[in-house]
Amino acid sequence: MKRPELEEVTLDSILREEADLGEKVVNALPKRFLRRNHGKYLAITYSGKRLALEDTLGELNEHLAREMPDENYYVCRIGYPSLSRIE
């Protein structure tokens, strides 16, 4: 029997924690910023530093490739639950 405090750490659980933290960082941004940039793609560090804000995912990727940030970061599309919608 597993003890709750010794829960197995999996890649899935680590990624979920990082996604949750990223969402919290984005939600802590000023509401005015979020409204003005609805639908744009954002890269932000887990400490809250905005790395890039672009109209398309391709532009965001190009910006990040040029800058090559040292910190880990979270990528999202402001106002949407996922980066893209596939139907």
C-alpha atoms as a PDB file:
ATOM      1  CA  MET A   1       0.000   0.000   0.000  1.00  0.00           C
ATOM      2  CA  LYS A   2       1.342   3.428  -0.950  1.00  0.00           C
ATOM      3  CA  ARG A   3       1.502   6.152   1.611  1.00  0.00           C
ATOM      4  CA  PRO A   4      -0.026   9.415   0.292  1.00  0.00           C
ATOM      5  CA  GLU A   5       3.103  11.429   1.063  1.00  0.00           C
ATOM      6  CA  LEU A   6       5.148   9.087  -1.153  1.00  0.00           C
ATOM      7  CA  GLU A   7       3.060   9.578  -4.283  1.00  0.00           C
ATOM      8  CA  GLU A   8       4.866   8.520  -7.453  1.00  0.00           C
ATOM      9  CA  VAL A   9       6.208  11.418  -9.529  1.00  0.00           C
ATOM     10  CA  THR A  10       5.546  10.971 -13.221  1.00  0.00           C
ATOM     11  CA  LEU A  11       6.269  13.131 -16.248  1.00  0.00           C
ATOM     12  CA  ASP A  12       2.531  13.637 -16.571  1.00  0.00           C
ATOM     13  CA  SER A  13       2.235  14.964 -13.009  1.00  0.00           C
ATOM     14  CA  ILE A  14       5.222  17.294 -13.494  1.00  0.00           C
ATOM     15  CA  LEU A  15       3.761  18.694 -16.731  1.00  0.00           C
ATOM     16  CA  ARG A  16       0.363  19.191 -15.071  1.00  0.00           C
ATOM     17  CA  GLU A  17       1.988  21.107 -12.208  1.00  0.00           C
ATOM     18  CA  GLU A  18       3.885  23.329 -14.665  1.00  0.00           C
ATOM     19  CA  ALA A  19       0.709  23.969 -16.671  1.00  0.00           C
ATOM     20  CA  ASP A  20      -1.192  24.861 -13.495  1.00  0.00           C
ATOM     21  CA  LEU A  21       1.569  27.242 -12.433  1.00  0.00           C
ATOM     22  CA  GLY A  22       1.666  28.825 -15.903  1.00  0.00           C
ATOM     23  CA  GLU A  23      -2.090  29.389 -15.836  1.00  0.00           C
ATOM     24  CA  LYS A  24      -1.797  31.037 -12.411  1.00  0.00           C
ATOM     25  CA  VAL A  25       0.952  33.360 -13.663  1.00  0.00           C
ATOM     26  CA  VAL A  26      -1.163  34.369 -16.678  1.00  0.00           C
ATOM     27  CA  ASN A  27      -4.292  34.854 -14.553  1.00  0.00           C
ATOM     28  CA  ALA A  28      -2.308  37.153 -12.243  1.00  0.00           C
ATOM     29  CA  LEU A  29      -1.609  39.555 -15.133  1.00  0.00           C
ATOM     30  CA  PRO A  30      -3.636  42.775 -15.159  1.00  0.00           C
ATOM     31  CA  LYS A  31      -7.151  42.198 -16.508  1.00  0.00           C
ATOM     32  CA  ARG A  32      -6.737  45.175 -18.840  1.00  0.00           C
ATOM     33  CA  PHE A  33      -3.677  43.534 -20.434  1.00  0.00           C
ATOM     34  CA  LEU A  34      -5.580  40.265 -20.865  1.00  0.00           C
ATOM     35  CA  ARG A  35      -8.592  42.031 -22.442  1.00  0.00           C
ATOM     36  CA  ARG A  36      -6.458  44.103 -24.830  1.00  0.00           C
ATOM     37  CA  ASN A  37      -4.485  41.055 -25.951  1.00  0.00           C
ATOM     38  CA  HIS A  38      -7.280  38.491 -26.174  1.00  0.00           C
ATOM     39  CA  GLY A  39      -6.420  35.880 -28.807  1.00  0.00           C
ATOM     40  CA  LYS A  40      -2.695  36.709 -28.928  1.00  0.00           C
ATOM     41  CA  TYR A  41       0.028  34.202 -28.122  1.00  0.00           C
ATOM     42  CA  LEU A  42       2.060  34.844 -24.994  1.00  0.00           C
ATOM     43  CA  ALA A  43       5.305  33.390 -23.658  1.00  0.00           C
ATOM     44  CA  ILE A  44       5.868  34.168 -19.992  1.00  0.00           C
ATOM     45  CA  THR A  45       8.345  32.858 -17.431  1.00  0.00           C
ATOM     46  CA  TYR A  46       7.100  31.201 -14.279  1.00  0.00           C
ATOM     47  CA  SER A  47       8.360  34.246 -12.379  1.00  0.00           C
ATOM     48  CA  GLY A  48       6.061  36.493 -14.450  1.00  0.00           C
ATOM     49  CA  LYS A  49       8.466  38.028 -16.989  1.00  0.00           C
ATOM     50  CA  ARG A  50       6.769  38.486 -20.373  1.00  0.00           C
ATOM     51  CA  LEU A  51       9.097  37.155 -23.063  1.00  0.00           C
ATOM     52  CA  ALA A  52       6.960  37.611 -26.165  1.00  0.00           C
ATOM     53  CA  LEU A  53       3.475  38.573 -27.277  1.00  0.00           C
ATOM     54  CA  GLU A  54       2.579  37.867 -30.908  1.00  0.00           C
ATOM     55  CA  ASP A  55      -0.452  37.585 -33.191  1.00  0.00           C
ATOM     56  CA  THR A  56       0.393  34.084 -34.431  1.00  0.00           C
ATOM     57  CA  LEU A  57       1.996  31.004 -32.945  1.00  0.00           C
ATOM     58  CA  GLY A  58       4.556  31.049 -35.769  1.00  0.00           C
ATOM     59  CA  GLU A  59       5.607  34.607 -34.917  1.00  0.00           C
ATOM     60  CA  LEU A  60       5.866  33.669 -31.239  1.00  0.00           C
ATOM     61  CA  ASN A  61       8.061  30.695 -32.114  1.00  0.00           C
ATOM     62  CA  GLU A  62      10.327  32.859 -34.303  1.00  0.00           C
ATOM     63  CA  HIS A  63      10.640  35.457 -31.535  1.00  0.00           C
ATOM     64  CA  LEU A  64      11.597  32.819 -28.963  1.00  0.00           C
ATOM     65  CA  ALA A  65      14.054  31.165 -31.371  1.00  0.00           C
ATOM     66  CA  ARG A  66      15.838  34.512 -31.823  1.00  0.00           C
ATOM     67  CA  GLU A  67      15.874  35.384 -28.111  1.00  0.00           C
ATOM     68  CA  MET A  68      16.682  31.891 -26.779  1.00  0.00           C
ATOM     69  CA  PRO A  69      15.507  32.567 -23.189  1.00  0.00           C
ATOM     70  CA  ASP A  70      17.510  31.059 -20.330  1.00  0.00           C
ATOM     71  CA  GLU A  71      14.470  30.488 -18.113  1.00  0.00           C
ATOM     72  CA  ASN A  72      11.701  27.962 -18.551  1.00  0.00           C
ATOM     73  CA  TYR A  73       8.495  29.547 -19.772  1.00  0.00           C
ATOM     74  CA  TYR A  74       4.817  28.927 -20.344  1.00  0.00           C
ATOM     75  CA  VAL A  75       3.104  29.491 -23.703  1.00  0.00           C
ATOM     76  CA  CYS A  76      -0.601  30.206 -24.068  1.00  0.00           C
ATOM     77  CA  ARG A  77      -3.186  31.865 -26.251  1.00  0.00           C
ATOM     78  CA  ILE A  78      -4.793  34.541 -24.114  1.00  0.00           C
ATOM     79  CA  GLY A  79      -8.455  33.833 -23.462  1.00  0.00           C
ATOM     80  CA  TYR A  80      -8.406  30.284 -24.837  1.00  0.00           C
ATOM     81  CA  PRO A  81      -7.983  26.940 -23.039  1.00  0.00           C
ATOM     82  CA  SER A  82      -5.522  25.632 -25.652  1.00  0.00           C
ATOM     83  CA  LEU A  83      -3.042  26.958 -28.219  1.00  0.00           C
ATOM     84  CA  SER A  84      -5.163  25.880 -31.168  1.00  0.00           C
ATOM     85  CA  ARG A  85      -8.485  24.319 -31.893  1.00  0.00           C
ATOM     86  CA  ILE A  86      -8.554  21.124 -33.895  1.00  0.00           C
ATOM     87  CA  GLU A  87     -11.865  19.849 -35.211  1.00  0.00           C
END
